[in-house]
PDB file of N, CA and C in Angstrom:
ATOM      1  N   MET A   1     -12.219  -8.167  11.490  1.00  0.00           N
ATOM      2  CA  MET A   1     -12.198  -7.061  12.430  1.00  0.00           C
ATOM      3  C   MET A   1     -12.052  -5.721  11.714  1.00  0.00           C
ATOM      4  N   GLY A   2     -12.028  -5.729  10.390  1.00  0.00           N
ATOM      5  CA  GLY A   2     -11.994  -4.484   9.660  1.00  0.00           C
ATOM      6  C   GLY A   2     -10.622  -4.003   9.228  1.00  0.00           C
ATOM      7  N   TRP A   3      -9.557  -4.662   9.650  1.00  0.00           N
ATOM      8  CA  TRP A   3      -8.211  -4.257   9.245  1.00  0.00           C
ATOM      9  C   TRP A   3      -7.927  -4.779   7.848  1.00  0.00           C
ATOM     10  N   GLN A   4      -7.252  -3.963   7.048  1.00  0.00           N
ATOM     11  CA  GLN A   4      -6.964  -4.336   5.668  1.00  0.00           C
ATOM     12  C   GLN A   4      -5.480  -4.103   5.380  1.00  0.00           C
ATOM     13  N   LEU A   5      -4.857  -5.077   4.733  1.00  0.00           N
ATOM     14  CA  LEU A   5      -3.462  -4.937   4.339  1.00  0.00           C
ATOM     15  C   LEU A   5      -3.373  -3.856   3.267  1.00  0.00           C
ATOM     16  N   ILE A   6      -2.548  -2.831   3.512  1.00  0.00           N
ATOM     17  CA  ILE A   6      -2.412  -1.754   2.526  1.00  0.00           C
ATOM     18  C   ILE A   6      -1.011  -1.675   1.942  1.00  0.00           C
ATOM     19  N   GLY A   7      -0.093  -2.464   2.463  1.00  0.00           N
ATOM     20  CA  GLY A   7       1.243  -2.432   1.887  1.00  0.00           C
ATOM     21  C   GLY A   7       2.227  -3.301   2.641  1.00  0.00           C
ATOM     22  N   ILE A   8       3.375  -3.485   2.026  1.00  0.00           N
ATOM     23  CA  ILE A   8       4.488  -4.218   2.630  1.00  0.00           C
ATOM     24  C   ILE A   8       5.724  -3.364   2.431  1.00  0.00           C
ATOM     25  N   THR A   9       6.496  -3.207   3.480  1.00  0.00           N
ATOM     26  CA  THR A   9       7.661  -2.339   3.418  1.00  0.00           C
ATOM     27  C   THR A   9       8.869  -3.036   4.040  1.00  0.00           C
ATOM     28  N   PRO A  10      10.063  -2.767   3.527  1.00  0.00           N
ATOM     29  CA  PRO A  10      11.242  -3.351   4.166  1.00  0.00           C
ATOM     30  C   PRO A  10      11.435  -2.733   5.543  1.00  0.00           C
ATOM     31  N   GLY A  11      11.616  -3.564   6.521  1.00  0.00           N
ATOM     32  CA  GLY A  11      11.816  -3.068   7.878  1.00  0.00           C
ATOM     33  C   GLY A  11      13.283  -2.857   8.175  1.00  0.00           C
ATOM     34  N   PHE A  12      13.557  -2.374   9.359  1.00  0.00           N
ATOM     35  CA  PHE A  12      14.936  -2.149   9.777  1.00  0.00           C
ATOM     36  C   PHE A  12      15.525  -3.382  10.448  1.00  0.00           C
ATOM     37  N   ASP A  13      14.652  -4.324  10.833  1.00  0.00           N
ATOM     38  CA  ASP A  13      15.120  -5.540  11.490  1.00  0.00           C
ATOM     39  C   ASP A  13      15.779  -6.471  10.489  1.00  0.00           C
ATOM     40  N   ARG A  14      16.750  -7.219  10.975  1.00  0.00           N
ATOM     41  CA  ARG A  14      17.402  -8.232  10.145  1.00  0.00           C
ATOM     42  C   ARG A  14      17.421  -9.529  10.927  1.00  0.00           C
ATOM     43  N   GLU A  15      17.352 -10.633  10.202  1.00  0.00           N
ATOM     44  CA  GLU A  15      17.314 -11.943  10.837  1.00  0.00           C
ATOM     45  C   GLU A  15      18.357 -12.845  10.193  1.00  0.00           C
ATOM     46  N   MET A  16      19.124 -13.540  11.046  1.00  0.00           N
ATOM     47  CA  MET A  16      20.103 -14.488  10.529  1.00  0.00           C
ATOM     48  C   MET A  16      19.371 -15.796  10.261  1.00  0.00           C
ATOM     49  N   ILE A  17      19.312 -16.199   8.985  1.00  0.00           N
ATOM     50  CA  ILE A  17      18.593 -17.422   8.653  1.00  0.00           C
ATOM     51  C   ILE A  17      19.504 -18.647   8.678  1.00  0.00           C
ATOM     52  N   GLU A  18      20.814 -18.407   8.567  1.00  0.00           N
ATOM     53  CA  GLU A  18      21.831 -19.441   8.753  1.00  0.00           C
ATOM     54  C   GLU A  18      23.150 -18.704   8.972  1.00  0.00           C
ATOM     55  N   PRO A  19      24.151 -19.367   9.499  1.00  0.00           N
ATOM     56  CA  PRO A  19      25.413 -18.675   9.766  1.00  0.00           C
ATOM     57  C   PRO A  19      25.945 -17.946   8.524  1.00  0.00           C
ATOM     58  N   GLY A  20      26.152 -16.657   8.666  1.00  0.00           N
ATOM     59  CA  GLY A  20      26.682 -15.838   7.589  1.00  0.00           C
ATOM     60  C   GLY A  20      25.657 -15.329   6.589  1.00  0.00           C
ATOM     61  N   VAL A  21      24.370 -15.702   6.756  1.00  0.00           N
ATOM     62  CA  VAL A  21      23.321 -15.246   5.836  1.00  0.00           C
ATOM     63  C   VAL A  21      22.294 -14.442   6.637  1.00  0.00           C
ATOM     64  N   VAL A  22      22.272 -13.142   6.366  1.00  0.00           N
ATOM     65  CA  VAL A  22      21.345 -12.247   7.066  1.00  0.00           C
ATOM     66  C   VAL A  22      20.378 -11.664   6.047  1.00  0.00           C
ATOM     67  N   LYS A  23      19.104 -11.719   6.362  1.00  0.00           N
ATOM     68  CA  LYS A  23      18.074 -11.172   5.470  1.00  0.00           C
ATOM     69  C   LYS A  23      17.266 -10.122   6.214  1.00  0.00           C
ATOM     70  N   ARG A  24      16.784  -9.152   5.439  1.00  0.00           N
ATOM     71  CA  ARG A  24      15.947  -8.094   6.001  1.00  0.00           C
ATOM     72  C   ARG A  24      14.546  -8.643   6.258  1.00  0.00           C
ATOM     73  N   VAL A  25      13.954  -8.224   7.342  1.00  0.00           N
ATOM     74  CA  VAL A  25      12.600  -8.632   7.699  1.00  0.00           C
ATOM     75  C   VAL A  25      11.634  -7.592   7.139  1.00  0.00           C
ATOM     76  N   TYR A  26      10.678  -8.032   6.350  1.00  0.00           N
ATOM     77  CA  TYR A  26       9.669  -7.125   5.791  1.00  0.00           C
ATOM     78  C   TYR A  26       8.519  -6.976   6.770  1.00  0.00           C
ATOM     79  N   GLU A  27       7.860  -5.835   6.735  1.00  0.00           N
ATOM     80  CA  GLU A  27       6.761  -5.553   7.644  1.00  0.00           C
ATOM     81  C   GLU A  27       5.492  -5.290   6.855  1.00  0.00           C
ATOM     82  N   ALA A  28       4.399  -5.827   7.333  1.00  0.00           N
ATOM     83  CA  ALA A  28       3.102  -5.578   6.724  1.00  0.00           C
ATOM     84  C   ALA A  28       2.512  -4.315   7.348  1.00  0.00           C
ATOM     85  N   VAL A  29       1.836  -3.525   6.523  1.00  0.00           N
ATOM     86  CA  VAL A  29       1.196  -2.297   6.996  1.00  0.00           C
ATOM     87  C   VAL A  29      -0.310  -2.490   6.846  1.00  0.00           C
ATOM     88  N   TYR A  30      -1.020  -2.350   7.959  1.00  0.00           N
ATOM     89  CA  TYR A  30      -2.467  -2.512   7.968  1.00  0.00           C
ATOM     90  C   TYR A  30      -3.129  -1.191   8.326  1.00  0.00           C
ATOM     91  N   ALA A  31      -4.334  -0.988   7.826  1.00  0.00           N
ATOM     92  CA  ALA A  31      -5.112   0.202   8.164  1.00  0.00           C
ATOM     93  C   ALA A  31      -6.569  -0.205   8.327  1.00  0.00           C
ATOM     94  N   LYS A  32      -7.278   0.605   9.059  1.00  0.00           N
ATOM     95  CA  LYS A  32      -8.706   0.377   9.248  1.00  0.00           C
ATOM     96  C   LYS A  32      -9.424   1.657   8.839  1.00  0.00           C
ATOM     97  N   VAL A  33     -10.243   1.566   7.800  1.00  0.00           N
ATOM     98  CA  VAL A  33     -10.995   2.730   7.347  1.00  0.00           C
ATOM     99  C   VAL A  33     -12.200   2.878   8.262  1.00  0.00           C
ATOM    100  N   LEU A  34     -12.255   4.009   8.957  1.00  0.00           N
ATOM    101  CA  LEU A  34     -13.340   4.215   9.915  1.00  0.00           C
ATOM    102  C   LEU A  34     -14.568   4.840   9.276  1.00  0.00           C
ATOM    103  N   VAL A  35     -14.364   5.635   8.219  1.00  0.00           N
ATOM    104  CA  VAL A  35     -15.474   6.293   7.548  1.00  0.00           C
ATOM    105  C   VAL A  35     -15.307   6.051   6.043  1.00  0.00           C
ATOM    106  N   PRO A  36     -15.686   4.875   5.541  1.00  0.00           N
ATOM    107  CA  PRO A  36     -15.388   4.523   4.149  1.00  0.00           C
ATOM    108  C   PRO A  36     -16.004   5.458   3.108  1.00  0.00           C
ATOM    109  N   GLU A  37     -17.176   6.030   3.381  1.00  0.00           N
ATOM    110  CA  GLU A  37     -17.782   6.890   2.374  1.00  0.00           C
ATOM    111  C   GLU A  37     -17.069   8.231   2.233  1.00  0.00           C
ATOM    112  N   GLU A  38     -16.158   8.564   3.138  1.00  0.00           N
ATOM    113  CA  GLU A  38     -15.409   9.805   3.049  1.00  0.00           C
ATOM    114  C   GLU A  38     -13.964   9.581   2.605  1.00  0.00           C
ATOM    115  N   LEU A  39     -13.653   8.398   2.093  1.00  0.00           N
ATOM    116  CA  LEU A  39     -12.304   8.085   1.632  1.00  0.00           C
ATOM    117  C   LEU A  39     -11.964   8.961   0.429  1.00  0.00           C
ATOM    118  N   LEU A  40     -10.884   9.709   0.515  1.00  0.00           N
ATOM    119  CA  LEU A  40     -10.455  10.543  -0.595  1.00  0.00           C
ATOM    120  C   LEU A  40      -9.786   9.666  -1.638  1.00  0.00           C
ATOM    121  N   ARG A  41     -10.169   9.828  -2.877  1.00  0.00           N
ATOM    122  CA  ARG A  41      -9.602   9.037  -3.957  1.00  0.00           C
ATOM    123  C   ARG A  41      -8.588   9.886  -4.715  1.00  0.00           C
ATOM    124  N   PRO A  42      -7.390   9.354  -4.930  1.00  0.00           N
ATOM    125  CA  PRO A  42      -6.367  10.136  -5.638  1.00  0.00           C
ATOM    126  C   PRO A  42      -6.646  10.201  -7.139  1.00  0.00           C
ATOM    127  N   ARG A  43      -6.129  11.257  -7.765  1.00  0.00           N
ATOM    128  CA  ARG A  43      -6.200  11.365  -9.222  1.00  0.00           C
ATOM    129  C   ARG A  43      -5.060  10.539  -9.807  1.00  0.00           C
ATOM    130  N   ALA A  44      -5.344   9.788 -10.848  1.00  0.00           N
ATOM    131  CA  ALA A  44      -4.343   8.918 -11.474  1.00  0.00           C
ATOM    132  C   ALA A  44      -3.114   9.711 -11.898  1.00  0.00           C
ATOM    133  N   LYS A  45      -3.302  10.921 -12.413  1.00  0.00           N
ATOM    134  CA  LYS A  45      -2.171  11.712 -12.904  1.00  0.00           C
ATOM    135  C   LYS A  45      -1.257  12.194 -11.774  1.00  0.00           C
ATOM    136  N   ASP A  46      -1.726  12.139 -10.526  1.00  0.00           N
ATOM    137  CA  ASP A  46      -0.920  12.587  -9.391  1.00  0.00           C
ATOM    138  C   ASP A  46      -0.082  11.471  -8.776  1.00  0.00           C
ATOM    139  N   LEU A  47      -0.238  10.243  -9.250  1.00  0.00           N
ATOM    140  CA  LEU A  47       0.469   9.097  -8.683  1.00  0.00           C
ATOM    141  C   LEU A  47       1.622   8.671  -9.580  1.00  0.00           C
ATOM    142  N   THR A  48       2.678   8.162  -8.961  1.00  0.00           N
ATOM    143  CA  THR A  48       3.754   7.551  -9.742  1.00  0.00           C
ATOM    144  C   THR A  48       3.213   6.236 -10.300  1.00  0.00           C
ATOM    145  N   PRO A  49       3.829   5.695 -11.337  1.00  0.00           N
ATOM    146  CA  PRO A  49       3.341   4.419 -11.888  1.00  0.00           C
ATOM    147  C   PRO A  49       3.284   3.307 -10.831  1.00  0.00           C
ATOM    148  N   GLY A  50       4.280   3.245  -9.958  1.00  0.00           N
ATOM    149  CA  GLY A  50       4.281   2.217  -8.912  1.00  0.00           C
ATOM    150  C   GLY A  50       3.162   2.413  -7.904  1.00  0.00           C
ATOM    151  N   ALA A  51       2.938   3.660  -7.479  1.00  0.00           N
ATOM    152  CA  ALA A  51       1.872   3.948  -6.522  1.00  0.00           C
ATOM    153  C   ALA A  51       0.506   3.681  -7.152  1.00  0.00           C
ATOM    154  N   LYS A  52       0.353   4.006  -8.437  1.00  0.00           N
ATOM    155  CA  LYS A  52      -0.914   3.751  -9.133  1.00  0.00           C
ATOM    156  C   LYS A  52      -1.172   2.255  -9.227  1.00  0.00           C
ATOM    157  N   ALA A  53      -0.144   1.481  -9.541  1.00  0.00           N
ATOM    158  CA  ALA A  53      -0.310   0.023  -9.626  1.00  0.00           C
ATOM    159  C   ALA A  53      -0.728  -0.558  -8.280  1.00  0.00           C
ATOM    160  N   LEU A  54      -0.112  -0.083  -7.193  1.00  0.00           N
ATOM    161  CA  LEU A  54      -0.477  -0.568  -5.858  1.00  0.00           C
ATOM    162  C   LEU A  54      -1.896  -0.156  -5.506  1.00  0.00           C
ATOM    163  N   PHE A  55      -2.258   1.106  -5.771  1.00  0.00           N
ATOM    164  CA  PHE A  55      -3.609   1.577  -5.461  1.00  0.00           C
ATOM    165  C   PHE A  55      -4.644   0.773  -6.243  1.00  0.00           C
ATOM    166  N   ASP A  56      -4.372   0.506  -7.531  1.00  0.00           N
ATOM    167  CA  ASP A  56      -5.298  -0.278  -8.339  1.00  0.00           C
ATOM    168  C   ASP A  56      -5.423  -1.710  -7.839  1.00  0.00           C
ATOM    169  N   LEU A  57      -4.328  -2.260  -7.312  1.00  0.00           N
ATOM    170  CA  LEU A  57      -4.370  -3.611  -6.759  1.00  0.00           C
ATOM    171  C   LEU A  57      -5.211  -3.655  -5.483  1.00  0.00           C
ATOM    172  N   LEU A  58      -5.031  -2.659  -4.623  1.00  0.00           N
ATOM    173  CA  LEU A  58      -5.743  -2.637  -3.340  1.00  0.00           C
ATOM    174  C   LEU A  58      -7.185  -2.164  -3.479  1.00  0.00           C
ATOM    175  N   TYR A  59      -7.427  -1.213  -4.373  1.00  0.00           N
ATOM    176  CA  TYR A  59      -8.755  -0.619  -4.534  1.00  0.00           C
ATOM    177  C   TYR A  59      -9.117  -0.562  -6.024  1.00  0.00           C
ATOM    178  N   PRO A  60      -9.438  -1.683  -6.638  1.00  0.00           N
ATOM    179  CA  PRO A  60      -9.722  -1.702  -8.085  1.00  0.00           C
ATOM    180  C   PRO A  60     -10.833  -0.724  -8.469  1.00  0.00           C
ATOM    181  N   GLY A  61     -10.549   0.076  -9.491  1.00  0.00           N
ATOM    182  CA  GLY A  61     -11.543   0.994 -10.026  1.00  0.00           C
ATOM    183  C   GLY A  61     -11.828   2.227  -9.187  1.00  0.00           C
ATOM    184  N   GLN A  62     -11.069   2.467  -8.140  1.00  0.00           N
ATOM    185  CA  GLN A  62     -11.359   3.596  -7.251  1.00  0.00           C
ATOM    186  C   GLN A  62     -10.528   4.842  -7.547  1.00  0.00           C
ATOM    187  N   CYS A  63      -9.524   4.745  -8.403  1.00  0.00           N
ATOM    188  CA  CYS A  63      -8.684   5.884  -8.729  1.00  0.00           C
ATOM    189  C   CYS A  63      -9.454   6.818  -9.670  1.00  0.00           C
ATOM    190  N   VAL A  64      -9.363   8.119  -9.438  1.00  0.00           N
ATOM    191  CA  VAL A  64     -10.040   9.094 -10.295  1.00  0.00           C
ATOM    192  C   VAL A  64      -9.194   9.269 -11.554  1.00  0.00           C
ATOM    193  N   GLU A  65      -9.753   8.891 -12.693  1.00  0.00           N
ATOM    194  CA  GLU A  65      -9.003   8.939 -13.945  1.00  0.00           C
ATOM    195  C   GLU A  65      -9.028  10.310 -14.596  1.00  0.00           C
ATOM    196  N   GLN A  66     -10.119  11.049 -14.446  1.00  0.00           N
ATOM    197  CA  GLN A  66     -10.238  12.369 -15.066  1.00  0.00           C
ATOM    198  C   GLN A  66     -10.647  13.389 -14.011  1.00  0.00           C
ATOM    199  N   THR A  67     -10.250  14.643 -14.250  1.00  0.00           N
ATOM    200  CA  THR A  67     -10.567  15.703 -13.285  1.00  0.00           C
ATOM    201  C   THR A  67     -11.697  16.615 -13.756  1.00  0.00           C
ATOM    202  N   GLY A  68     -12.245  16.347 -14.927  1.00  0.00           N
ATOM    203  CA  GLY A  68     -13.336  17.189 -15.427  1.00  0.00           C
ATOM    204  C   GLY A  68     -12.839  18.157 -16.478  1.00  0.00           C
ATOM    205  N   PRO A  69     -13.693  19.151 -16.830  1.00  0.00           N
ATOM    206  CA  PRO A  69     -13.329  20.072 -17.923  1.00  0.00           C
ATOM    207  C   PRO A  69     -12.194  20.966 -17.647  1.00  0.00           C
TER     208      PRO A  69
END
């Protein structure tokens, strides 16, 4: 249907998995690109190492490595 997983984030919900053991429920974040040819690509130097690793995992080879002269 066009939806793509773009990340996982810790949610605010908590679930008791057994008496006295509570774990945080993680949430999946999905997005649907409506106009793929107009997707803005970030510059590698503008991303933190963690954000760059995630972007490279989700969109291999799409990060702009150089900005020109």
